[in-house]
């Protein structure tokens, strides 16, 4: 493993750090996956990452069949 330094806007860093903490994700692993996705035609995600994404997708959401009917637009 290699330690690298990057110049990132502080507000972007803070927002992404908060997001990762709230979702129990490793910030460095997310950056690594992002980089790999640019290098591989079909990026491979770790099983743990996919499981966390699935938990997020199964969150508490409101089902809407027709947006315009529900919200009168």
N, C-alpha and C. Protein backbone atom coordinates (compact mmCIF):
# COMPACT_ATOMS: atom_id res chain seq x y z
N UNK A 1 0.85 -1.16 0.00
CA UNK A 1 0.00 0.00 0.00
C UNK A 1 0.90 1.23 0.00
N UNK A 2 0.44 2.27 -0.70
CA UNK A 2 1.22 3.49 -0.84
C UNK A 2 0.43 4.67 -0.29
N UNK A 3 1.11 5.55 0.40
CA UNK A 3 0.48 6.76 0.92
C UNK A 3 0.74 7.89 -0.07
N UNK A 4 -0.33 8.52 -0.56
CA UNK A 4 -0.22 9.61 -1.53
C UNK A 4 -0.94 10.83 -0.99
N UNK A 5 -0.51 11.99 -1.46
CA UNK A 5 -1.13 13.24 -1.06
C UNK A 5 -1.79 13.86 -2.27
N UNK A 6 -3.02 14.35 -2.10
CA UNK A 6 -3.75 15.00 -3.17
C UNK A 6 -4.23 16.37 -2.69
N UNK A 7 -4.34 17.30 -3.61
CA UNK A 7 -4.90 18.61 -3.30
C UNK A 7 -6.38 18.57 -3.66
N UNK A 8 -7.23 18.71 -2.65
CA UNK A 8 -8.69 18.64 -2.82
C UNK A 8 -9.28 19.83 -2.09
N UNK A 9 -10.31 20.42 -2.67
CA UNK A 9 -10.97 21.54 -1.99
C UNK A 9 -11.50 21.06 -0.65
N UNK A 10 -11.32 21.88 0.37
CA UNK A 10 -11.67 21.47 1.73
C UNK A 10 -13.15 21.16 1.88
N UNK A 11 -14.03 21.95 1.27
CA UNK A 11 -15.46 21.70 1.42
C UNK A 11 -15.87 20.38 0.77
N UNK A 12 -15.26 20.03 -0.36
CA UNK A 12 -15.54 18.75 -1.01
C UNK A 12 -15.08 17.60 -0.12
N UNK A 13 -13.87 17.74 0.44
CA UNK A 13 -13.33 16.72 1.33
C UNK A 13 -14.24 16.51 2.54
N UNK A 14 -14.66 17.61 3.16
CA UNK A 14 -15.51 17.49 4.35
C UNK A 14 -16.83 16.83 4.05
N UNK A 15 -17.45 17.20 2.93
CA UNK A 15 -18.74 16.59 2.54
C UNK A 15 -18.59 15.10 2.27
N UNK A 16 -17.52 14.74 1.54
CA UNK A 16 -17.32 13.33 1.22
C UNK A 16 -16.96 12.54 2.46
N UNK A 17 -16.17 13.12 3.33
CA UNK A 17 -15.81 12.46 4.59
C UNK A 17 -17.07 12.20 5.42
N UNK A 18 -17.93 13.19 5.53
CA UNK A 18 -19.18 13.04 6.28
C UNK A 18 -20.04 11.94 5.67
N UNK A 19 -20.16 11.94 4.34
CA UNK A 19 -20.94 10.92 3.64
C UNK A 19 -20.42 9.53 3.96
N UNK A 20 -19.11 9.35 3.87
CA UNK A 20 -18.50 8.04 4.13
C UNK A 20 -18.75 7.61 5.57
N UNK A 21 -18.61 8.51 6.52
CA UNK A 21 -18.84 8.18 7.93
C UNK A 21 -20.29 7.78 8.17
N UNK A 22 -21.22 8.53 7.58
CA UNK A 22 -22.64 8.24 7.76
C UNK A 22 -23.04 6.88 7.20
N UNK A 23 -22.33 6.44 6.15
CA UNK A 23 -22.67 5.17 5.51
C UNK A 23 -21.70 4.04 5.86
N UNK A 24 -20.80 4.31 6.80
CA UNK A 24 -19.86 3.28 7.24
C UNK A 24 -18.88 2.85 6.16
N UNK A 25 -18.46 3.79 5.32
CA UNK A 25 -17.56 3.47 4.21
C UNK A 25 -16.17 4.01 4.50
N UNK A 26 -15.18 3.34 3.94
CA UNK A 26 -13.80 3.80 4.04
C UNK A 26 -13.55 4.80 2.91
N UNK A 27 -13.19 6.02 3.27
CA UNK A 27 -12.97 7.05 2.26
C UNK A 27 -11.88 6.65 1.28
N UNK A 28 -10.78 6.14 1.78
CA UNK A 28 -9.67 5.78 0.90
C UNK A 28 -10.06 4.66 -0.06
N UNK A 29 -10.87 3.70 0.42
CA UNK A 29 -11.30 2.62 -0.46
C UNK A 29 -12.26 3.14 -1.54
N UNK A 30 -13.08 4.13 -1.20
CA UNK A 30 -13.99 4.72 -2.19
C UNK A 30 -13.20 5.42 -3.29
N UNK A 31 -12.14 6.13 -2.90
CA UNK A 31 -11.29 6.80 -3.88
C UNK A 31 -10.57 5.77 -4.74
N UNK A 32 -10.10 4.70 -4.12
CA UNK A 32 -9.43 3.64 -4.87
C UNK A 32 -10.38 3.01 -5.88
N UNK A 33 -11.61 2.72 -5.46
CA UNK A 33 -12.59 2.15 -6.39
C UNK A 33 -12.90 3.12 -7.53
N UNK A 34 -12.98 4.39 -7.22
CA UNK A 34 -13.21 5.41 -8.24
C UNK A 34 -12.08 5.40 -9.28
N UNK A 35 -10.83 5.35 -8.82
CA UNK A 35 -9.69 5.33 -9.72
C UNK A 35 -9.68 4.08 -10.59
N UNK A 36 -9.96 2.95 -9.96
CA UNK A 36 -9.98 1.69 -10.71
C UNK A 36 -11.06 1.70 -11.79
N UNK A 37 -12.17 2.35 -11.51
CA UNK A 37 -13.25 2.38 -12.50
C UNK A 37 -12.82 3.10 -13.77
N UNK A 38 -11.86 4.02 -13.66
CA UNK A 38 -11.34 4.70 -14.84
C UNK A 38 -10.34 3.83 -15.59
N UNK A 39 -9.74 2.89 -14.91
CA UNK A 39 -8.71 2.06 -15.53
C UNK A 39 -9.23 0.76 -16.11
N UNK A 40 -10.34 0.28 -15.62
CA UNK A 40 -10.90 -1.00 -16.04
C UNK A 40 -12.14 -0.77 -16.88
N UNK A 41 -12.35 -1.62 -17.87
CA UNK A 41 -13.55 -1.53 -18.68
C UNK A 41 -14.78 -1.88 -17.85
N UNK A 42 -14.67 -2.92 -17.08
CA UNK A 42 -15.75 -3.35 -16.21
C UNK A 42 -15.22 -3.39 -14.79
N UNK A 43 -15.39 -2.29 -14.05
CA UNK A 43 -14.84 -2.25 -12.69
C UNK A 43 -15.43 -3.34 -11.80
N UNK A 44 -14.60 -3.87 -10.95
CA UNK A 44 -15.03 -4.91 -10.02
C UNK A 44 -15.14 -4.28 -8.63
N UNK A 45 -16.31 -4.38 -8.07
CA UNK A 45 -16.53 -3.84 -6.73
C UNK A 45 -16.42 -4.97 -5.71
N UNK A 46 -15.89 -4.64 -4.56
CA UNK A 46 -15.79 -5.63 -3.50
C UNK A 46 -17.17 -6.00 -3.00
N UNK A 47 -17.29 -7.22 -2.55
CA UNK A 47 -18.55 -7.74 -2.04
C UNK A 47 -19.10 -6.86 -0.92
N UNK A 48 -18.23 -6.43 0.00
CA UNK A 48 -18.66 -5.60 1.12
C UNK A 48 -19.25 -4.28 0.63
N UNK A 49 -18.63 -3.70 -0.39
CA UNK A 49 -19.11 -2.44 -0.95
C UNK A 49 -20.49 -2.63 -1.56
N UNK A 50 -20.67 -3.69 -2.31
CA UNK A 50 -21.97 -3.96 -2.93
C UNK A 50 -23.05 -4.22 -1.89
N UNK A 51 -22.69 -4.89 -0.81
CA UNK A 51 -23.66 -5.14 0.26
C UNK A 51 -24.08 -3.83 0.93
N UNK A 52 -23.15 -2.93 1.15
CA UNK A 52 -23.48 -1.64 1.74
C UNK A 52 -24.38 -0.83 0.82
N UNK A 53 -24.08 -0.86 -0.47
CA UNK A 53 -24.93 -0.16 -1.43
C UNK A 53 -26.35 -0.73 -1.42
N UNK A 54 -26.46 -2.03 -1.33
CA UNK A 54 -27.78 -2.67 -1.31
C UNK A 54 -28.56 -2.26 -0.07
N UNK A 55 -27.89 -2.16 1.09
CA UNK A 55 -28.57 -1.71 2.32
C UNK A 55 -29.07 -0.28 2.16
N UNK A 56 -28.27 0.56 1.50
CA UNK A 56 -28.69 1.94 1.27
C UNK A 56 -29.90 1.96 0.35
N UNK A 57 -29.87 1.17 -0.70
CA UNK A 57 -30.99 1.12 -1.65
C UNK A 57 -32.28 0.64 -1.00
N UNK A 58 -32.16 -0.21 0.00
CA UNK A 58 -33.34 -0.74 0.68
C UNK A 58 -33.80 0.17 1.82
N UNK A 59 -33.31 1.41 1.80
CA UNK A 59 -33.66 2.37 2.85
C UNK A 59 -35.14 2.69 2.87
N UNK A 60 -35.50 3.57 3.76
CA UNK A 60 -36.90 3.95 3.95
C UNK A 60 -37.25 5.03 2.92
N UNK A 61 -37.87 4.61 1.83
CA UNK A 61 -38.26 5.52 0.76
C UNK A 61 -39.76 5.45 0.56
N UNK A 62 -40.32 6.49 0.00
CA UNK A 62 -41.75 6.53 -0.31
C UNK A 62 -41.93 6.03 -1.74
N UNK A 63 -42.77 5.02 -1.90
CA UNK A 63 -43.07 4.51 -3.23
C UNK A 63 -44.04 5.44 -3.94
N UNK A 64 -43.70 5.84 -5.16
CA UNK A 64 -44.55 6.74 -5.94
C UNK A 64 -44.76 6.13 -7.32
N UNK A 65 -46.00 5.80 -7.63
CA UNK A 65 -46.31 5.25 -8.96
C UNK A 65 -46.33 6.36 -10.00
N UNK A 66 -46.98 7.45 -9.66
CA UNK A 66 -47.09 8.57 -10.58
C UNK A 66 -46.76 9.86 -9.83
N UNK A 67 -45.64 10.43 -10.17
CA UNK A 67 -45.20 11.66 -9.50
C UNK A 67 -46.22 12.76 -9.64
N UNK A 68 -46.75 12.95 -10.85
CA UNK A 68 -47.70 14.04 -11.07
C UNK A 68 -49.00 13.84 -10.29
N UNK A 69 -49.48 12.60 -10.17
CA UNK A 69 -50.69 12.35 -9.39
C UNK A 69 -50.45 12.60 -7.89
N UNK A 70 -49.29 12.16 -7.42
CA UNK A 70 -48.99 12.31 -5.99
C UNK A 70 -48.78 13.77 -5.59
N UNK A 71 -48.09 14.51 -6.43
CA UNK A 71 -47.72 15.87 -6.08
C UNK A 71 -48.47 16.94 -6.87
N UNK A 72 -49.42 16.54 -7.70
CA UNK A 72 -50.27 17.48 -8.41
C UNK A 72 -49.55 18.37 -9.41
N UNK A 73 -48.60 17.81 -10.10
CA UNK A 73 -47.84 18.59 -11.09
C UNK A 73 -48.24 18.22 -12.50
